[in-house]
Amino acid sequence: MAKEIQTSTFVENILNILSNLPTGLRNQIVKNRLNEFLLFDCDEKKTIIKDILANYGKINNQSLLKLVESWFDSLSELRSDQINSIFYQYLLEISLNPDLVKNFNQDFLNSLSKILISFPKTKKIRLLHCFFEVVFNVPNPHLFINVIPPIIIEEGTKTY
């Protein structure tokens, strides 16, 4: 239990520090961490994802949105199979443990949508295609389909 609290505090601190870095530096660090993440085994990835999802709510919304924007930007530069793999691991963990995202309210989801929609067309299309491909391949797609903001569905259908 003490180790879990220590790990949780560590992850919270890292997320806070990253979210407050200048955009260029934050983007580069996030990109490097994503590339490292891809090299981890399944158990390590699962632990990292659980820690991130358990701690996102401890970061103020503006800082979290900056961090997610960097994450989206870095993801969009990966190959589609890598993006799918990362999305799948996150969505699978959420579908197995929906309480991890109980603090995601509609305003927050709309803010995430605005970030995604603001991306250049090629990055936005790549992320949307990968996201929808993964959503339809997780064990409980309706868990996600029911909360996807309409603007994301509209943007996703425009690209086909």
N, C-alpha and C. Protein backbone atom coordinates (compact mmCIF):
# COMPACT_ATOMS: atom_id res chain seq x y z
N MET A 1 0.83 -1.21 0.00
CA MET A 1 0.00 0.00 0.00
C MET A 1 0.86 1.26 0.00
N ALA A 2 1.89 1.29 0.83
CA ALA A 2 2.77 2.46 0.89
C ALA A 2 3.48 2.67 -0.43
N LYS A 3 3.85 1.57 -1.09
CA LYS A 3 4.52 1.68 -2.40
C LYS A 3 3.57 2.25 -3.45
N GLU A 4 2.29 1.84 -3.39
CA GLU A 4 1.30 2.37 -4.33
C GLU A 4 1.11 3.87 -4.15
N ILE A 5 1.06 4.32 -2.91
CA ILE A 5 0.91 5.75 -2.63
C ILE A 5 2.14 6.50 -3.11
N GLN A 6 3.32 5.94 -2.88
CA GLN A 6 4.56 6.57 -3.32
C GLN A 6 4.60 6.66 -4.85
N THR A 7 4.21 5.57 -5.53
CA THR A 7 4.17 5.57 -6.99
C THR A 7 3.16 6.57 -7.50
N SER A 8 2.00 6.62 -6.86
CA SER A 8 0.95 7.55 -7.26
C SER A 8 1.43 9.00 -7.14
N THR A 9 2.09 9.32 -6.05
CA THR A 9 2.62 10.67 -5.85
C THR A 9 3.69 10.98 -6.89
N PHE A 10 4.53 10.00 -7.19
CA PHE A 10 5.58 10.16 -8.20
C PHE A 10 4.97 10.48 -9.57
N VAL A 11 3.97 9.69 -9.96
CA VAL A 11 3.31 9.91 -11.26
C VAL A 11 2.63 11.27 -11.28
N GLU A 12 1.94 11.62 -10.20
CA GLU A 12 1.28 12.93 -10.11
C GLU A 12 2.30 14.05 -10.29
N ASN A 13 3.44 13.95 -9.62
CA ASN A 13 4.48 14.97 -9.73
C ASN A 13 5.02 15.07 -11.15
N ILE A 14 5.26 13.94 -11.79
CA ILE A 14 5.75 13.96 -13.17
C ILE A 14 4.74 14.62 -14.09
N LEU A 15 3.47 14.26 -13.95
CA LEU A 15 2.43 14.85 -14.80
C LEU A 15 2.34 16.36 -14.58
N ASN A 16 2.43 16.80 -13.34
CA ASN A 16 2.39 18.24 -13.05
C ASN A 16 3.59 18.96 -13.63
N ILE A 17 4.76 18.39 -13.47
CA ILE A 17 5.98 19.02 -14.02
C ILE A 17 5.88 19.10 -15.53
N LEU A 18 5.53 18.00 -16.17
CA LEU A 18 5.41 17.99 -17.64
C LEU A 18 4.41 19.02 -18.13
N SER A 19 3.27 19.10 -17.46
CA SER A 19 2.21 20.01 -17.92
C SER A 19 2.62 21.47 -17.82
N ASN A 20 3.58 21.78 -16.98
CA ASN A 20 4.00 23.17 -16.80
C ASN A 20 5.24 23.56 -17.59
N LEU A 21 5.78 22.63 -18.37
CA LEU A 21 6.94 22.94 -19.20
C LEU A 21 6.51 23.73 -20.43
N PRO A 22 7.43 24.48 -21.05
CA PRO A 22 7.12 25.14 -22.32
C PRO A 22 6.73 24.08 -23.37
N THR A 23 5.85 24.45 -24.27
CA THR A 23 5.29 23.51 -25.24
C THR A 23 6.34 22.70 -25.99
N GLY A 24 7.34 23.35 -26.54
CA GLY A 24 8.35 22.63 -27.32
C GLY A 24 9.08 21.58 -26.52
N LEU A 25 9.47 21.93 -25.31
CA LEU A 25 10.17 20.98 -24.44
C LEU A 25 9.23 19.86 -24.01
N ARG A 26 8.00 20.23 -23.64
CA ARG A 26 7.01 19.23 -23.23
C ARG A 26 6.74 18.24 -24.37
N ASN A 27 6.57 18.76 -25.59
CA ASN A 27 6.30 17.88 -26.73
C ASN A 27 7.43 16.88 -26.95
N GLN A 28 8.66 17.36 -26.86
CA GLN A 28 9.80 16.47 -27.08
C GLN A 28 9.89 15.39 -26.00
N ILE A 29 9.65 15.76 -24.76
CA ILE A 29 9.70 14.78 -23.67
C ILE A 29 8.58 13.76 -23.83
N VAL A 30 7.38 14.23 -24.14
CA VAL A 30 6.25 13.32 -24.32
C VAL A 30 6.53 12.36 -25.48
N LYS A 31 7.07 12.89 -26.56
CA LYS A 31 7.40 12.04 -27.72
C LYS A 31 8.41 10.96 -27.33
N ASN A 32 9.43 11.34 -26.59
CA ASN A 32 10.43 10.37 -26.14
C ASN A 32 9.82 9.32 -25.22
N ARG A 33 8.94 9.75 -24.32
CA ARG A 33 8.30 8.81 -23.40
C ARG A 33 7.37 7.85 -24.14
N LEU A 34 6.69 8.34 -25.17
CA LEU A 34 5.83 7.45 -25.96
C LEU A 34 6.66 6.39 -26.67
N ASN A 35 7.79 6.79 -27.22
CA ASN A 35 8.67 5.82 -27.88
C ASN A 35 9.20 4.79 -26.89
N GLU A 36 9.52 5.22 -25.68
CA GLU A 36 9.95 4.28 -24.64
C GLU A 36 8.80 3.36 -24.24
N PHE A 37 7.61 3.93 -24.11
CA PHE A 37 6.43 3.17 -23.73
C PHE A 37 6.21 2.00 -24.68
N LEU A 38 6.41 2.24 -25.96
CA LEU A 38 6.20 1.20 -26.96
C LEU A 38 7.14 0.01 -26.76
N LEU A 39 8.25 0.21 -26.10
CA LEU A 39 9.23 -0.85 -25.87
C LEU A 39 8.94 -1.68 -24.62
N PHE A 40 8.06 -1.20 -23.75
CA PHE A 40 7.76 -1.92 -22.52
C PHE A 40 6.92 -3.16 -22.79
N ASP A 41 6.96 -4.10 -21.85
CA ASP A 41 6.10 -5.28 -21.99
C ASP A 41 4.68 -4.92 -21.53
N CYS A 42 3.76 -5.84 -21.74
CA CYS A 42 2.34 -5.58 -21.46
C CYS A 42 2.08 -5.19 -20.00
N ASP A 43 2.70 -5.89 -19.08
CA ASP A 43 2.48 -5.58 -17.66
C ASP A 43 2.97 -4.19 -17.30
N GLU A 44 4.12 -3.81 -17.85
CA GLU A 44 4.66 -2.47 -17.58
C GLU A 44 3.74 -1.40 -18.17
N LYS A 45 3.25 -1.64 -19.37
CA LYS A 45 2.34 -0.68 -20.01
C LYS A 45 1.06 -0.53 -19.19
N LYS A 46 0.54 -1.66 -18.74
CA LYS A 46 -0.70 -1.64 -17.95
C LYS A 46 -0.50 -0.84 -16.66
N THR A 47 0.62 -1.04 -16.00
CA THR A 47 0.91 -0.32 -14.76
C THR A 47 1.02 1.18 -15.02
N ILE A 48 1.72 1.56 -16.08
CA ILE A 48 1.88 2.97 -16.43
C ILE A 48 0.52 3.60 -16.71
N ILE A 49 -0.29 2.93 -17.51
CA ILE A 49 -1.60 3.46 -17.86
C ILE A 49 -2.48 3.61 -16.62
N LYS A 50 -2.49 2.60 -15.77
CA LYS A 50 -3.28 2.70 -14.53
C LYS A 50 -2.82 3.88 -13.69
N ASP A 51 -1.50 4.05 -13.57
CA ASP A 51 -0.97 5.16 -12.77
C ASP A 51 -1.36 6.51 -13.36
N ILE A 52 -1.28 6.63 -14.66
CA ILE A 52 -1.66 7.89 -15.32
C ILE A 52 -3.15 8.16 -15.12
N LEU A 53 -3.98 7.14 -15.38
CA LEU A 53 -5.42 7.33 -15.24
C LEU A 53 -5.83 7.57 -13.79
N ALA A 54 -5.09 7.02 -12.86
CA ALA A 54 -5.41 7.23 -11.45
C ALA A 54 -5.01 8.63 -10.98
N ASN A 55 -4.14 9.30 -11.73
CA ASN A 55 -3.61 10.59 -11.26
C ASN A 55 -3.99 11.80 -12.11
N TYR A 56 -4.62 11.59 -13.26
CA TYR A 56 -4.94 12.73 -14.12
C TYR A 56 -5.84 13.74 -13.40
N GLY A 57 -6.72 13.25 -12.54
CA GLY A 57 -7.66 14.12 -11.85
C GLY A 57 -7.02 15.03 -10.81
N LYS A 58 -5.76 14.79 -10.50
CA LYS A 58 -5.06 15.59 -9.50
C LYS A 58 -4.36 16.80 -10.13
N ILE A 59 -4.49 16.92 -11.44
CA ILE A 59 -3.86 18.03 -12.17
C ILE A 59 -4.97 18.99 -12.57
N ASN A 60 -4.72 20.29 -12.47
CA ASN A 60 -5.77 21.23 -12.86
C ASN A 60 -6.06 21.07 -14.35
N ASN A 61 -7.29 21.37 -14.74
CA ASN A 61 -7.75 21.11 -16.10
C ASN A 61 -6.90 21.77 -17.18
N GLN A 62 -6.52 23.02 -17.00
CA GLN A 62 -5.73 23.71 -18.02
C GLN A 62 -4.38 23.03 -18.24
N SER A 63 -3.73 22.65 -17.16
CA SER A 63 -2.45 21.96 -17.27
C SER A 63 -2.63 20.59 -17.91
N LEU A 64 -3.68 19.90 -17.53
CA LEU A 64 -3.96 18.59 -18.10
C LEU A 64 -4.24 18.69 -19.60
N LEU A 65 -4.99 19.71 -20.00
CA LEU A 65 -5.29 19.88 -21.42
C LEU A 65 -4.03 20.18 -22.22
N LYS A 66 -3.10 20.94 -21.65
CA LYS A 66 -1.82 21.20 -22.33
C LYS A 66 -1.05 19.89 -22.49
N LEU A 67 -1.08 19.07 -21.48
CA LEU A 67 -0.38 17.80 -21.52
C LEU A 67 -1.01 16.86 -22.56
N VAL A 68 -2.33 16.81 -22.59
CA VAL A 68 -3.03 15.97 -23.56
C VAL A 68 -2.77 16.47 -24.98
N GLU A 69 -2.71 17.78 -25.16
CA GLU A 69 -2.40 18.32 -26.49
C GLU A 69 -1.02 17.85 -26.95
N SER A 70 -0.06 17.88 -26.07
CA SER A 70 1.28 17.38 -26.41
C SER A 70 1.24 15.88 -26.71
N TRP A 71 0.45 15.16 -25.95
CA TRP A 71 0.32 13.71 -26.15
C TRP A 71 -0.29 13.42 -27.52
N PHE A 72 -1.38 14.13 -27.86
CA PHE A 72 -2.00 13.96 -29.18
C PHE A 72 -1.01 14.30 -30.29
N ASP A 73 -0.30 15.41 -30.12
CA ASP A 73 0.66 15.84 -31.14
C ASP A 73 1.74 14.78 -31.33
N SER A 74 2.27 14.27 -30.24
CA SER A 74 3.32 13.25 -30.33
C SER A 74 2.77 11.95 -30.89
N LEU A 75 1.58 11.57 -30.48
CA LEU A 75 0.95 10.36 -31.02
C LEU A 75 0.79 10.46 -32.53
N SER A 76 0.39 11.62 -33.00
CA SER A 76 0.11 11.80 -34.43
C SER A 76 1.34 11.61 -35.30
N GLU A 77 2.51 11.66 -34.71
CA GLU A 77 3.75 11.48 -35.46
C GLU A 77 4.21 10.03 -35.49
N LEU A 78 3.51 9.16 -34.77
CA LEU A 78 3.84 7.74 -34.77
C LEU A 78 3.16 7.05 -35.95
N ARG A 79 3.57 5.82 -36.22
CA ARG A 79 2.90 5.01 -37.24
C ARG A 79 1.51 4.65 -36.73
N SER A 80 0.59 4.41 -37.65
CA SER A 80 -0.79 4.09 -37.27
C SER A 80 -0.87 2.87 -36.36
N ASP A 81 -0.08 1.84 -36.62
CA ASP A 81 -0.13 0.65 -35.77
C ASP A 81 0.33 0.96 -34.35
N GLN A 82 1.26 1.89 -34.21
CA GLN A 82 1.72 2.29 -32.88
C GLN A 82 0.64 3.10 -32.16
N ILE A 83 0.00 4.00 -32.89
CA ILE A 83 -1.09 4.79 -32.32
C ILE A 83 -2.21 3.85 -31.87
N ASN A 84 -2.58 2.92 -32.74
CA ASN A 84 -3.63 1.96 -32.41
C ASN A 84 -3.28 1.17 -31.15
N SER A 85 -2.05 0.75 -31.06
CA SER A 85 -1.60 -0.03 -29.90
C SER A 85 -1.76 0.78 -28.61
N ILE A 86 -1.35 2.02 -28.65
CA ILE A 86 -1.45 2.87 -27.45
C ILE A 86 -2.91 3.17 -27.12
N PHE A 87 -3.69 3.57 -28.11
CA PHE A 87 -5.11 3.81 -27.86
C PHE A 87 -5.78 2.55 -27.31
N TYR A 88 -5.48 1.41 -27.91
CA TYR A 88 -6.11 0.16 -27.48
C TYR A 88 -5.79 -0.14 -26.02
N GLN A 89 -4.55 0.03 -25.64
CA GLN A 89 -4.16 -0.26 -24.26
C GLN A 89 -4.88 0.66 -23.28
N TYR A 90 -5.00 1.93 -23.63
CA TYR A 90 -5.73 2.86 -22.76
C TYR A 90 -7.22 2.51 -22.71
N LEU A 91 -7.82 2.31 -23.86
CA LEU A 91 -9.26 2.05 -23.89
C LEU A 91 -9.60 0.71 -23.26
N LEU A 92 -8.74 -0.28 -23.42
CA LEU A 92 -8.97 -1.57 -22.78
C LEU A 92 -8.93 -1.42 -21.26
N GLU A 93 -7.96 -0.69 -20.78
CA GLU A 93 -7.85 -0.47 -19.33
C GLU A 93 -9.07 0.28 -18.81
N ILE A 94 -9.53 1.26 -19.56
CA ILE A 94 -10.73 2.01 -19.15
C ILE A 94 -11.96 1.10 -19.19
N SER A 95 -12.08 0.26 -20.22
CA SER A 95 -13.26 -0.61 -20.30
C SER A 95 -13.26 -1.65 -19.19
N LEU A 96 -12.08 -2.07 -18.74
CA LEU A 96 -11.99 -3.02 -17.63
C LEU A 96 -12.17 -2.34 -16.28
N ASN A 97 -11.84 -1.06 -16.21
CA ASN A 97 -11.92 -0.29 -14.95
C ASN A 97 -12.52 1.09 -15.21
N PRO A 98 -13.82 1.15 -15.54
CA PRO A 98 -14.43 2.43 -15.90
C PRO A 98 -14.35 3.50 -14.82
N ASP A 99 -14.18 3.09 -13.57
CA ASP A 99 -14.07 4.08 -12.49
C ASP A 99 -12.82 4.94 -12.63
N LEU A 100 -11.85 4.48 -13.41
CA LEU A 100 -10.62 5.26 -13.60
C LEU A 100 -10.89 6.62 -14.26
N VAL A 101 -11.99 6.71 -14.99
CA VAL A 101 -12.29 7.97 -15.68
C VAL A 101 -13.61 8.57 -15.21
N LYS A 102 -13.97 8.28 -13.98
CA LYS A 102 -15.25 8.79 -13.46
C LYS A 102 -15.29 10.32 -13.41
N ASN A 103 -14.11 10.95 -13.39
CA ASN A 103 -14.07 12.42 -13.32
C ASN A 103 -14.11 13.08 -14.70
N PHE A 104 -14.15 12.28 -15.76
CA PHE A 104 -14.27 12.86 -17.11
C PHE A 104 -15.69 13.37 -17.26
N ASN A 105 -15.86 14.67 -17.23
CA ASN A 105 -17.20 15.21 -17.45
C ASN A 105 -17.30 15.70 -18.89
N GLN A 106 -18.50 16.06 -19.29
CA GLN A 106 -18.73 16.45 -20.68
C GLN A 106 -17.93 17.69 -21.07
N ASP A 107 -17.77 18.63 -20.17
CA ASP A 107 -16.97 19.82 -20.47
C ASP A 107 -15.52 19.44 -20.77
N PHE A 108 -14.98 18.52 -19.99
CA PHE A 108 -13.61 18.07 -20.21
C PHE A 108 -13.50 17.35 -21.55
N LEU A 109 -14.45 16.48 -21.86
CA LEU A 109 -14.44 15.78 -23.14
C LEU A 109 -14.57 16.76 -24.31
N ASN A 110 -15.39 17.78 -24.14
CA ASN A 110 -15.52 18.80 -25.19
C ASN A 110 -14.21 19.57 -25.37
N SER A 111 -13.52 19.84 -24.28
CA SER A 111 -12.22 20.52 -24.37
C SER A 111 -11.20 19.65 -25.10
N LEU A 112 -11.20 18.35 -24.80
CA LEU A 112 -10.31 17.43 -25.52
C LEU A 112 -10.64 17.42 -27.01
N SER A 113 -11.93 17.45 -27.31
CA SER A 113 -12.37 17.46 -28.71
C SER A 113 -11.89 18.70 -29.44
N LYS A 114 -11.99 19.85 -28.78
CA LYS A 114 -11.53 21.10 -29.40
C LYS A 114 -10.04 21.05 -29.71
N ILE A 115 -9.28 20.46 -28.81
CA ILE A 115 -7.83 20.32 -29.05
C ILE A 115 -7.61 19.47 -30.29
N LEU A 116 -8.26 18.34 -30.34
CA LEU A 116 -8.08 17.43 -31.47
C LEU A 116 -8.50 18.06 -32.78
N ILE A 117 -9.61 18.75 -32.77
CA ILE A 117 -10.13 19.37 -33.99
C ILE A 117 -9.23 20.51 -34.47
N SER A 118 -8.50 21.11 -33.56
CA SER A 118 -7.62 22.23 -33.94
C SER A 118 -6.34 21.76 -34.64
N PHE A 119 -6.07 20.48 -34.64
CA PHE A 119 -4.85 19.96 -35.25
C PHE A 119 -4.89 20.10 -36.77
N PRO A 120 -3.72 20.17 -37.39
CA PRO A 120 -3.68 20.15 -38.86
C PRO A 120 -4.40 18.90 -39.38
N LYS A 121 -4.95 19.02 -40.57
CA LYS A 121 -5.80 17.97 -41.13
C LYS A 121 -5.16 16.58 -41.09
N THR A 122 -3.92 16.45 -41.52
CA THR A 122 -3.32 15.12 -41.59
C THR A 122 -3.16 14.49 -40.20
N LYS A 123 -2.78 15.29 -39.22
CA LYS A 123 -2.64 14.76 -37.86
C LYS A 123 -4.01 14.39 -37.29
N LYS A 124 -4.97 15.26 -37.51
CA LYS A 124 -6.32 15.03 -37.00
C LYS A 124 -6.91 13.76 -37.61
N ILE A 125 -6.77 13.60 -38.92
CA ILE A 125 -7.32 12.42 -39.60
C ILE A 125 -6.65 11.14 -39.08
N ARG A 126 -5.34 11.18 -38.96
CA ARG A 126 -4.62 9.99 -38.47
C ARG A 126 -5.12 9.60 -37.08
N LEU A 127 -5.23 10.57 -36.19
CA LEU A 127 -5.68 10.26 -34.83
C LEU A 127 -7.13 9.78 -34.80
N LEU A 128 -7.99 10.43 -35.56
CA LEU A 128 -9.39 10.02 -35.58
C LEU A 128 -9.57 8.63 -36.16
N HIS A 129 -8.89 8.33 -37.25
CA HIS A 129 -9.00 7.00 -37.85
C HIS A 129 -8.55 5.93 -36.86
N CYS A 130 -7.42 6.17 -36.24
CA CYS A 130 -6.90 5.21 -35.27
C CYS A 130 -7.84 5.06 -34.08
N PHE A 131 -8.33 6.19 -33.58
CA PHE A 131 -9.22 6.16 -32.43
C PHE A 131 -10.47 5.34 -32.72
N PHE A 132 -11.13 5.63 -33.85
CA PHE A 132 -12.36 4.91 -34.16
C PHE A 132 -12.10 3.44 -34.46
N GLU A 133 -11.01 3.15 -35.10
CA GLU A 133 -10.65 1.74 -35.35
C GLU A 133 -10.53 0.99 -34.02
N VAL A 134 -9.90 1.61 -33.06
CA VAL A 134 -9.71 0.97 -31.76
C VAL A 134 -11.02 0.89 -30.98
N VAL A 135 -11.80 1.96 -31.00
CA VAL A 135 -13.08 1.95 -30.27
C VAL A 135 -13.93 0.76 -30.69
N PHE A 136 -13.96 0.49 -31.98
CA PHE A 136 -14.80 -0.60 -32.46
C PHE A 136 -14.18 -1.97 -32.23
N ASN A 137 -12.99 -2.01 -31.67
CA ASN A 137 -12.33 -3.29 -31.41
C ASN A 137 -12.10 -3.58 -29.93
N VAL A 138 -12.54 -2.70 -29.06
CA VAL A 138 -12.44 -2.99 -27.63
C VAL A 138 -13.64 -3.84 -27.22
N PRO A 139 -13.54 -4.56 -26.11
CA PRO A 139 -14.63 -5.45 -25.69
C PRO A 139 -15.98 -4.77 -25.51
N ASN A 140 -16.00 -3.52 -25.07
CA ASN A 140 -17.27 -2.83 -24.83
C ASN A 140 -17.26 -1.47 -25.54
N PRO A 141 -17.43 -1.47 -26.87
CA PRO A 141 -17.34 -0.20 -27.60
C PRO A 141 -18.39 0.83 -27.20
N HIS A 142 -19.55 0.36 -26.74
CA HIS A 142 -20.63 1.30 -26.38
C HIS A 142 -20.26 2.17 -25.19
N LEU A 143 -19.37 1.68 -24.34
CA LEU A 143 -18.88 2.48 -23.22
C LEU A 143 -18.27 3.79 -23.73
N PHE A 144 -17.63 3.72 -24.89
CA PHE A 144 -16.96 4.89 -25.47
C PHE A 144 -17.86 5.62 -26.46
N ILE A 145 -18.56 4.87 -27.28
CA ILE A 145 -19.42 5.48 -28.30
C ILE A 145 -20.45 6.41 -27.66
N ASN A 146 -20.95 6.01 -26.51
CA ASN A 146 -21.99 6.80 -25.83
C ASN A 146 -21.50 8.12 -25.26
N VAL A 147 -20.19 8.28 -25.11
CA VAL A 147 -19.68 9.52 -24.52
C VAL A 147 -18.83 10.36 -25.49
N ILE A 148 -18.63 9.86 -26.71
CA ILE A 148 -17.86 10.62 -27.69
C ILE A 148 -18.65 11.86 -28.08
N PRO A 149 -18.07 13.04 -27.91
CA PRO A 149 -18.78 14.27 -28.29
C PRO A 149 -19.16 14.25 -29.77
N PRO A 150 -20.35 14.75 -30.10
CA PRO A 150 -20.82 14.74 -31.49
C PRO A 150 -19.83 15.36 -32.48
N ILE A 151 -19.10 16.38 -32.06
CA ILE A 151 -18.16 17.04 -32.97
C ILE A 151 -17.06 16.06 -33.43
N ILE A 152 -16.67 15.14 -32.57
CA ILE A 152 -15.66 14.15 -32.93
C ILE A 152 -16.24 13.16 -33.93
N ILE A 153 -17.47 12.76 -33.71
CA ILE A 153 -18.12 11.84 -34.66
C ILE A 153 -18.25 12.52 -36.02
N GLU A 154 -18.66 13.79 -36.02
CA GLU A 154 -18.77 14.55 -37.27
C GLU A 154 -17.43 14.63 -37.98
N GLU A 155 -16.40 14.99 -37.24
CA GLU A 155 -15.05 15.10 -37.83
C GLU A 155 -14.58 13.74 -38.34
N GLY A 156 -14.88 12.69 -37.60
CA GLY A 156 -14.47 11.35 -38.01
C GLY A 156 -15.15 10.90 -39.28
N THR A 157 -16.41 11.28 -39.46
CA THR A 157 -17.12 10.86 -40.67
C THR A 157 -16.75 11.72 -41.87
N LYS A 158 -16.27 12.94 -41.64
CA LYS A 158 -15.83 13.81 -42.74
C LYS A 158 -14.62 13.25 -43.46
N THR A 159 -13.82 12.49 -42.72
CA THR A 159 -12.54 12.05 -43.27
C THR A 159 -12.67 10.83 -44.16
N TYR A 160 -13.85 10.20 -44.20
CA TYR A 160 -13.99 9.00 -45.02
C TYR A 160 -14.54 9.30 -46.37
